Each structure stands twice: as C-alpha cells, then as structure tokens.
Protein backbone atom coordinates (compact mmCIF):
# COMPACT_ATOMS: atom_id res chain seq x y z
CA MET A 1 41.44 1.20 -1.89
CA THR A 2 41.77 -2.16 -3.65
CA SER A 3 38.92 -4.50 -4.41
CA SER A 4 40.19 -7.01 -1.84
CA GLU A 5 40.09 -4.30 0.82
CA LEU A 6 36.49 -3.50 -0.16
CA LEU A 7 35.52 -7.16 0.16
CA ASP A 8 36.99 -7.30 3.67
CA GLN A 9 34.76 -4.44 4.89
CA GLU A 10 31.48 -5.02 6.66
CA PRO A 11 28.54 -4.70 4.26
CA ILE A 12 26.60 -1.49 4.50
CA GLU A 13 23.19 -2.07 5.98
CA VAL A 14 20.46 -0.38 4.01
CA PRO A 15 17.71 0.80 6.35
CA ARG A 16 14.23 -0.48 5.65
CA ALA A 17 11.88 2.21 4.40
CA ASN A 18 8.91 2.95 6.60
CA PRO A 19 5.61 2.58 4.78
CA ILE A 20 4.03 6.00 4.61
CA PHE A 21 0.80 5.35 2.73
CA GLY A 22 -2.53 4.18 4.05
CA TYR A 23 -6.23 4.23 3.35
CA TYR A 24 -8.76 6.96 4.04
CA LYS A 25 -12.51 7.19 3.64
CA MET A 26 -13.19 10.58 2.08
CA ALA A 27 -16.14 12.77 3.04
CA ASN A 28 -18.09 11.49 0.00
CA GLY A 29 -17.56 7.86 1.15
CA ASP A 30 -14.96 6.90 -1.46
CA ILE A 31 -11.82 5.08 -0.35
CA THR A 32 -8.50 6.62 -1.31
CA VAL A 33 -4.79 6.13 -0.71
CA ASP A 34 -2.59 8.90 0.63
CA VAL A 35 0.25 9.78 2.98
CA ILE A 36 -0.41 9.02 6.67
CA SER A 37 1.99 11.39 8.40
CA PRO A 38 0.46 13.14 11.43
CA MET A 39 0.31 16.47 9.58
CA GLU A 40 -1.38 14.93 6.56
CA ARG A 41 -3.88 13.01 8.71
CA MET A 42 -4.80 16.19 10.56
CA HIS A 43 -5.27 18.04 7.27
CA TYR A 44 -7.48 15.27 5.86
CA MET A 45 -9.52 15.05 9.07
CA GLU A 46 -10.26 18.77 8.70
CA GLU A 47 -11.63 17.93 5.25
CA GLY A 48 -13.92 15.25 6.71
CA TRP A 49 -11.78 12.22 5.84
CA LYS A 50 -11.42 9.23 8.17
CA TYR A 51 -8.11 7.37 8.45
CA LEU A 52 -8.55 3.56 8.18
CA PRO A 53 -5.59 2.06 10.09
CA GLN A 54 -7.12 -1.45 10.17
CA TYR A 55 -6.12 -1.93 6.51
CA GLY A 56 -2.43 -1.34 7.11
CA THR A 57 0.30 0.87 5.79
CA PHE A 58 2.39 0.30 2.71
CA ASP A 59 4.93 1.71 0.32
CA LEU A 60 3.79 2.93 -3.11
CA THR A 61 7.24 3.28 -4.67
CA SER A 62 7.12 0.10 -6.76
CA TYR A 63 5.45 -0.03 -10.16
CA TYR A 64 3.25 -2.92 -9.03
CA ALA A 65 2.05 -1.22 -5.84
CA SER A 66 1.29 2.05 -7.60
CA ASN A 67 -0.83 0.19 -10.16
CA ASN A 68 -2.60 -1.90 -7.50
CA PRO A 69 -3.18 0.56 -4.65
CA PHE A 70 -6.22 -1.26 -3.27
CA GLU A 71 -4.61 -4.71 -3.08
CA LEU A 72 -3.83 -4.54 0.65
CA PHE A 73 -7.27 -3.01 1.29
CA PHE A 74 -8.92 -6.07 -0.27
CA ILE A 75 -6.46 -8.53 1.31
CA ARG A 76 -7.38 -7.16 4.74
CA GLY A 77 -11.13 -7.42 4.14
CA GLY A 78 -12.03 -3.86 3.17
CA ALA A 79 -14.09 -4.62 0.07
CA GLY A 80 -17.36 -4.09 1.96
CA GLU A 81 -16.37 -0.50 2.81
CA MET A 82 -15.90 0.55 -0.80
CA PRO A 83 -19.08 2.21 -2.13
CA ALA A 84 -20.76 0.71 -5.20
CA ASN A 85 -20.12 3.82 -7.32
CA GLN A 86 -16.37 3.48 -6.69
CA VAL A 87 -16.46 -0.25 -7.52
CA LEU A 88 -18.11 0.64 -10.85
CA ALA A 89 -15.76 3.59 -11.52
CA ASN A 90 -12.70 1.34 -11.02
CA GLY A 91 -14.14 -1.45 -13.15
CA PHE A 92 -13.94 -3.94 -10.28
CA HIS A 93 -17.37 -5.29 -11.30
CA VAL A 94 -15.88 -6.35 -14.66
CA LYS A 95 -12.39 -7.37 -13.60
CA ALA A 96 -12.33 -8.20 -9.91
CA PRO A 97 -9.07 -7.54 -8.07
CA GLN A 98 -6.93 -10.63 -7.61
CA ILE A 99 -5.93 -11.37 -4.04
CA PRO A 100 -2.63 -13.25 -3.88
CA ARG A 101 -2.62 -16.44 -1.83
CA CYS A 102 0.38 -15.20 0.16
CA LYS A 103 -1.72 -12.22 1.37
CA LYS A 104 1.42 -10.10 1.62
CA ALA A 105 1.87 -6.52 0.53
CA ILE A 106 4.58 -5.69 -1.96
CA ASP A 107 7.46 -4.21 0.05
CA GLN A 108 11.23 -4.50 0.49
CA THR A 109 11.02 -8.07 1.74
CA HIS A 110 8.32 -9.25 -0.69
CA LYS A 111 9.29 -7.50 -3.91
CA ARG A 112 6.80 -9.24 -6.21
CA HIS A 113 4.15 -11.89 -6.26
CA ASN A 114 5.21 -15.15 -7.89
CA PRO A 115 3.08 -18.06 -9.15
CA THR A 116 3.07 -19.68 -5.68
CA CYS A 117 1.51 -16.57 -4.19
C-alpha cells in the first residue's frame, strides 16, 4: 500500500476510554481512590467502604492525574469529607491543593491544565 492510498483511507477512530476510578470513604473515614467496577465496589462494601459517586469518575493513567488523585474530589466540593488526620498526613495543611479555574478533570479531551485554567 502506498502512502497516497493510506491518506485516502478514513481515519481510524480511537475509542474514548471509560474512566474507571472513583472515590471511596474507607471504614476508618479516610478518603481513597480505587477502581469502581461492580465487582470491586461489592468487595469494598464488604470491607465497610462507601462509594462516593457525587465526586465523579476519572482516569488515572496520566502522570498528572496519578500525582493529583484528589483534584477532582476537591473540585467537586469534597474537602469537607476528608478527615483532619488525612489532611495532615497528605500535607494539605502546608501546601493546599490547587483547584484549576477550568474545574475540569484531566482526561482524553483535557490532557493538561494550562495557564488559563
């Protein structure tokens, strides 16, 4: 196949990945991030965890998202649910999380925050 024939073909559509991570409140009250598949949710519920769907789902495959797992939680107003001991353990009392002005999660359509965010 020549390069001109390749250019004449329809572009391959890459399917959008479904976000599979979400927030849970663990039995000890701490907030954590984990997989939200039905099987995982059932397993975590057996351990006393509560799924928190109000804070959204997201993809943790980017470097930024994996280093800022609570960003969407804070964007969506969850700061009041995080216990004080977890705030201290994460150092949020010293360096508060930055909430981007765009209030968007990092995903396939919003790959990074820029200065206008």
